[in-house]
């Protein structure tokens, strides 16, 4: 896996880590009605496979924190402008949703 971008302040990361139980807890609380992200994996799949996925994801997250780098795909999102109010012609009347 290629990590082309460094974390801005890697000296702040050494004390941070996550556990298998923390990752599993987050996965089991995902809203399965939400759309998929750029990876194409649905929240339903992540939620239903939380027990199996929590260990490898924990290793991946902790390694990323330890070396101070994250994959580019973790920094990507599909941005959709959502109208707030007033004139639809003005850009400032929209907020971004990823």
Protein backbone atom coordinates (compact mmCIF):
# COMPACT_ATOMS: atom_id res chain seq x y z
CA UNK A 1 0.00 0.00 0.00
CA UNK A 2 1.39 3.37 -1.03
CA UNK A 3 1.41 6.25 1.50
CA UNK A 4 2.39 9.34 -0.54
CA UNK A 5 1.33 11.99 1.98
CA UNK A 6 2.78 12.45 5.46
CA UNK A 7 0.77 13.53 8.47
CA UNK A 8 1.43 17.22 9.19
CA UNK A 9 2.62 16.76 12.81
CA UNK A 10 3.74 13.13 13.25
CA UNK A 11 5.38 13.90 16.63
CA UNK A 12 1.88 14.17 18.13
CA UNK A 13 0.91 10.63 17.09
CA UNK A 14 3.06 8.18 19.15
CA UNK A 15 0.67 8.14 22.11
CA UNK A 16 -2.40 7.43 19.99
CA UNK A 17 -3.67 3.93 19.30
CA UNK A 18 -6.94 2.07 19.02
CA UNK A 19 -8.12 -1.34 20.14
CA UNK A 20 -10.00 -4.12 18.41
CA UNK A 21 -12.99 -3.50 20.70
CA UNK A 22 -13.05 0.21 19.88
CA UNK A 23 -13.01 -0.49 16.15
CA UNK A 24 -15.68 -3.20 16.49
CA UNK A 25 -17.86 -0.85 18.54
CA UNK A 26 -17.64 1.86 15.87
CA UNK A 27 -18.40 -0.60 13.07
CA UNK A 28 -21.45 -2.01 14.85
CA UNK A 29 -22.85 1.51 15.32
CA UNK A 30 -22.65 2.45 11.63
CA UNK A 31 -25.90 3.60 10.04
CA UNK A 32 -26.63 0.97 7.40
CA UNK A 33 -29.04 3.33 5.59
CA UNK A 34 -26.19 5.68 4.59
CA UNK A 35 -24.68 5.52 1.12
CA UNK A 36 -21.29 3.97 0.41
CA UNK A 37 -18.11 6.03 0.45
CA UNK A 38 -15.43 6.19 -2.25
CA UNK A 39 -14.31 2.62 -1.43
CA UNK A 40 -17.73 1.25 -2.44
CA UNK A 41 -18.13 -0.80 0.75
CA UNK A 42 -21.57 -0.38 2.27
CA UNK A 43 -22.04 0.38 5.94
CA UNK A 44 -24.25 -2.72 6.12
CA UNK A 45 -21.35 -4.98 5.12
CA UNK A 46 -18.99 -3.27 7.58
CA UNK A 47 -21.57 -3.56 10.33
CA UNK A 48 -22.40 -7.22 9.68
CA UNK A 49 -18.71 -8.16 9.41
CA UNK A 50 -17.56 -6.05 12.37
CA UNK A 51 -16.23 -9.05 14.31
CA UNK A 52 -14.11 -10.28 11.40
CA UNK A 53 -12.95 -6.86 10.22
CA UNK A 54 -12.11 -5.28 13.57
CA UNK A 55 -8.73 -7.02 13.99
CA UNK A 56 -7.21 -6.26 10.54
CA UNK A 57 -8.60 -2.72 10.59
CA UNK A 58 -7.10 -2.14 14.05
CA UNK A 59 -3.69 -3.27 12.76
CA UNK A 60 -4.02 -0.99 9.75
CA UNK A 61 -5.13 2.05 11.76
CA UNK A 62 -2.41 1.61 14.39
CA UNK A 63 0.30 1.11 11.76
CA UNK A 64 -0.83 4.24 9.95
CA UNK A 65 -0.69 6.23 13.19
CA UNK A 66 2.67 4.72 14.17
CA UNK A 67 4.41 5.61 10.89
CA UNK A 68 2.59 8.95 10.59
CA UNK A 69 1.15 8.33 7.13
CA UNK A 70 -2.32 7.68 5.77
CA UNK A 71 -3.45 6.36 2.38
CA UNK A 72 -4.57 9.01 -0.07
CA UNK A 73 -7.98 7.32 -0.35
CA UNK A 74 -8.63 8.11 3.34
CA UNK A 75 -8.42 11.78 2.45
CA UNK A 76 -10.90 11.62 -0.43
CA UNK A 77 -14.62 12.25 -0.29
CA UNK A 78 -17.48 12.84 -2.68
CA UNK A 79 -18.69 16.38 -1.96
CA UNK A 80 -22.29 17.33 -2.70
CA UNK A 81 -23.58 20.89 -2.27
CA UNK A 82 -26.78 20.97 -0.21
CA UNK A 83 -29.03 24.00 -0.45
CA UNK A 84 -29.64 25.86 2.84
CA UNK A 85 -31.97 28.78 2.13
CA UNK A 86 -32.56 32.03 0.22
CA UNK A 87 -31.46 32.44 -3.41
CA UNK A 88 -30.36 29.22 -5.10
CA UNK A 89 -28.09 31.23 -7.44
CA UNK A 90 -25.66 32.19 -4.63
CA UNK A 91 -22.87 29.78 -3.72
CA UNK A 92 -22.89 30.85 -0.08
CA UNK A 93 -26.40 29.41 0.30
CA UNK A 94 -25.04 25.87 -0.01
CA UNK A 95 -23.14 23.71 2.44
CA UNK A 96 -20.87 20.80 1.52
CA UNK A 97 -21.74 17.24 2.52
CA UNK A 98 -19.23 14.46 2.07
